[in-house]
Amino acid sequence: MADERKDIMDEQAQKAVDEGQWDRMVGKAKSLWGELTDDDFMEAKGDMQSFFGMIEQKTGETIQSIKEKLEWKDEEHGGMEKAE
């Protein structure tokens, strides 16, 4: 189950990167949370679960709140579940 979820997450991350959404997401995140660094984003590059988790850890905001601020719609990105 965990491997299956990781595969789904990898596919979603690749879709986001392929569609040019990664740069948009990073740019918006930087404007919302100025304390985040380029190194933070490099660690999460291509992995949306890590991206949301990193922001959650650094800011203390919930993943749901982060997704709302970034206008991330799970249904448009393969139904990504909340990172645990």
C-alpha atoms as a PDB file:
ATOM      1  CA  MET A   1       0.000   0.000   0.000  1.00  0.00           C
ATOM      2  CA  ALA A   2       2.774   2.445   0.907  1.00  0.00           C
ATOM      3  CA  ASP A   3       4.650   1.624  -2.314  1.00  0.00           C
ATOM      4  CA  GLU A   4       1.465   2.115  -4.315  1.00  0.00           C
ATOM      5  CA  ARG A   5       0.879   5.498  -2.674  1.00  0.00           C
ATOM      6  CA  LYS A   6       4.466   6.538  -3.354  1.00  0.00           C
ATOM      7  CA  ASP A   7       4.050   5.587  -7.021  1.00  0.00           C
ATOM      8  CA  ILE A   8       0.900   7.706  -7.208  1.00  0.00           C
ATOM      9  CA  MET A   9       2.689  10.587  -5.522  1.00  0.00           C
ATOM     10  CA  ASP A  10       5.632  10.282  -7.917  1.00  0.00           C
ATOM     11  CA  GLU A  11       3.255  10.379 -10.887  1.00  0.00           C
ATOM     12  CA  GLN A  12       1.520  13.472  -9.522  1.00  0.00           C
ATOM     13  CA  ALA A  13       4.802  15.220  -8.843  1.00  0.00           C
ATOM     14  CA  GLN A  14       6.017  14.462 -12.342  1.00  0.00           C
ATOM     15  CA  LYS A  15       2.761  15.767 -13.767  1.00  0.00           C
ATOM     16  CA  ALA A  16       3.163  19.003 -11.805  1.00  0.00           C
ATOM     17  CA  VAL A  17       6.752  19.400 -12.976  1.00  0.00           C
ATOM     18  CA  ASP A  18       5.879  18.468 -16.577  1.00  0.00           C
ATOM     19  CA  GLU A  19       3.094  21.007 -16.690  1.00  0.00           C
ATOM     20  CA  GLY A  20       5.346  23.791 -15.469  1.00  0.00           C
ATOM     21  CA  GLN A  21       3.416  24.009 -12.240  1.00  0.00           C
ATOM     22  CA  TRP A  22       6.468  23.469 -10.055  1.00  0.00           C
ATOM     23  CA  ASP A  23       7.875  26.944 -10.759  1.00  0.00           C
ATOM     24  CA  ARG A  24       4.465  28.518 -10.219  1.00  0.00           C
ATOM     25  CA  MET A  25       4.010  26.664  -6.938  1.00  0.00           C
ATOM     26  CA  VAL A  26       7.491  27.593  -5.703  1.00  0.00           C
ATOM     27  CA  GLY A  27       7.046  31.233  -6.697  1.00  0.00           C
ATOM     28  CA  LYS A  28       3.720  31.492  -4.939  1.00  0.00           C
ATOM     29  CA  ALA A  29       5.044  29.683  -1.851  1.00  0.00           C
ATOM     30  CA  LYS A  30       8.013  32.062  -1.685  1.00  0.00           C
ATOM     31  CA  SER A  31       5.693  35.054  -1.819  1.00  0.00           C
ATOM     32  CA  LEU A  32       3.421  33.604   0.884  1.00  0.00           C
ATOM     33  CA  TRP A  33       6.152  32.300   3.182  1.00  0.00           C
ATOM     34  CA  GLY A  34       9.238  34.474   2.779  1.00  0.00           C
ATOM     35  CA  GLU A  35      11.157  32.448   5.361  1.00  0.00           C
ATOM     36  CA  LEU A  36      11.409  29.491   2.961  1.00  0.00           C
ATOM     37  CA  THR A  37      14.703  29.213   1.120  1.00  0.00           C
ATOM     38  CA  ASP A  38      15.719  27.891  -2.277  1.00  0.00           C
ATOM     39  CA  ASP A  39      17.419  25.017  -0.445  1.00  0.00           C
ATOM     40  CA  ASP A  40      14.080  24.072   1.130  1.00  0.00           C
ATOM     41  CA  PHE A  41      12.515  23.811  -2.306  1.00  0.00           C
ATOM     42  CA  MET A  42      15.472  21.943  -3.783  1.00  0.00           C
ATOM     43  CA  GLU A  43      15.047  19.229  -1.153  1.00  0.00           C
ATOM     44  CA  ALA A  44      11.444  18.721  -2.238  1.00  0.00           C
ATOM     45  CA  LYS A  45      12.032  19.109  -5.987  1.00  0.00           C
ATOM     46  CA  GLY A  46       9.646  16.892  -7.884  1.00  0.00           C
ATOM     47  CA  ASP A  47       7.917  15.450  -4.814  1.00  0.00           C
ATOM     48  CA  MET A  48       4.680  17.222  -3.945  1.00  0.00           C
ATOM     49  CA  GLN A  49       4.218  15.316  -0.689  1.00  0.00           C
ATOM     50  CA  SER A  50       7.642  16.517   0.460  1.00  0.00           C
ATOM     51  CA  PHE A  51       6.853  20.006  -0.821  1.00  0.00           C
ATOM     52  CA  PHE A  52       3.692  20.296   1.271  1.00  0.00           C
ATOM     53  CA  GLY A  53       5.309  18.548   4.245  1.00  0.00           C
ATOM     54  CA  MET A  54       8.303  20.883   4.177  1.00  0.00           C
ATOM     55  CA  ILE A  55       6.059  23.955   4.172  1.00  0.00           C
ATOM     56  CA  GLU A  56       3.978  22.456   6.979  1.00  0.00           C
ATOM     57  CA  GLN A  57       7.099  21.790   9.061  1.00  0.00           C
ATOM     58  CA  LYS A  58       8.675  25.200   8.435  1.00  0.00           C
ATOM     59  CA  THR A  59       5.519  27.297   8.907  1.00  0.00           C
ATOM     60  CA  GLY A  60       3.347  25.277  11.284  1.00  0.00           C
ATOM     61  CA  GLU A  61       0.384  25.586   8.920  1.00  0.00           C
ATOM     62  CA  THR A  62      -1.741  22.576   8.058  1.00  0.00           C
ATOM     63  CA  ILE A  63      -1.340  20.897   4.709  1.00  0.00           C
ATOM     64  CA  GLN A  64      -4.971  21.719   3.923  1.00  0.00           C
ATOM     65  CA  SER A  65      -4.319  25.414   4.594  1.00  0.00           C
ATOM     66  CA  ILE A  66      -1.168  25.301   2.465  1.00  0.00           C
ATOM     67  CA  LYS A  67      -3.033  23.700  -0.428  1.00  0.00           C
ATOM     68  CA  GLU A  68      -5.774  26.314  -0.191  1.00  0.00           C
ATOM     69  CA  LYS A  69      -3.298  29.196  -0.226  1.00  0.00           C
ATOM     70  CA  LEU A  70      -1.479  27.671  -3.191  1.00  0.00           C
ATOM     71  CA  GLU A  71      -4.815  26.960  -4.900  1.00  0.00           C
ATOM     72  CA  TRP A  72      -3.869  23.276  -5.199  1.00  0.00           C
ATOM     73  CA  LYS A  73      -6.879  21.168  -6.098  1.00  0.00           C
ATOM     74  CA  ASP A  74      -6.365  17.470  -5.387  1.00  0.00           C
ATOM     75  CA  GLU A  75      -8.941  16.441  -7.971  1.00  0.00           C
ATOM     76  CA  GLU A  76      -6.906  18.167 -10.681  1.00  0.00           C
ATOM     77  CA  HIS A  77      -3.754  16.354  -9.576  1.00  0.00           C
ATOM     78  CA  GLY A  78      -4.781  12.737  -9.252  1.00  0.00           C
ATOM     79  CA  GLY A  79      -6.672  13.047  -5.971  1.00  0.00           C
ATOM     80  CA  MET A  80      -3.575  13.408  -3.809  1.00  0.00           C
ATOM     81  CA  GLU A  81      -4.415  12.550  -0.240  1.00  0.00           C
ATOM     82  CA  LYS A  82      -3.237  14.504   2.765  1.00  0.00           C
ATOM     83  CA  ALA A  83       0.349  13.630   3.642  1.00  0.00           C
ATOM     84  CA  GLU A  84       0.557  11.767   6.929  1.00  0.00           C
END
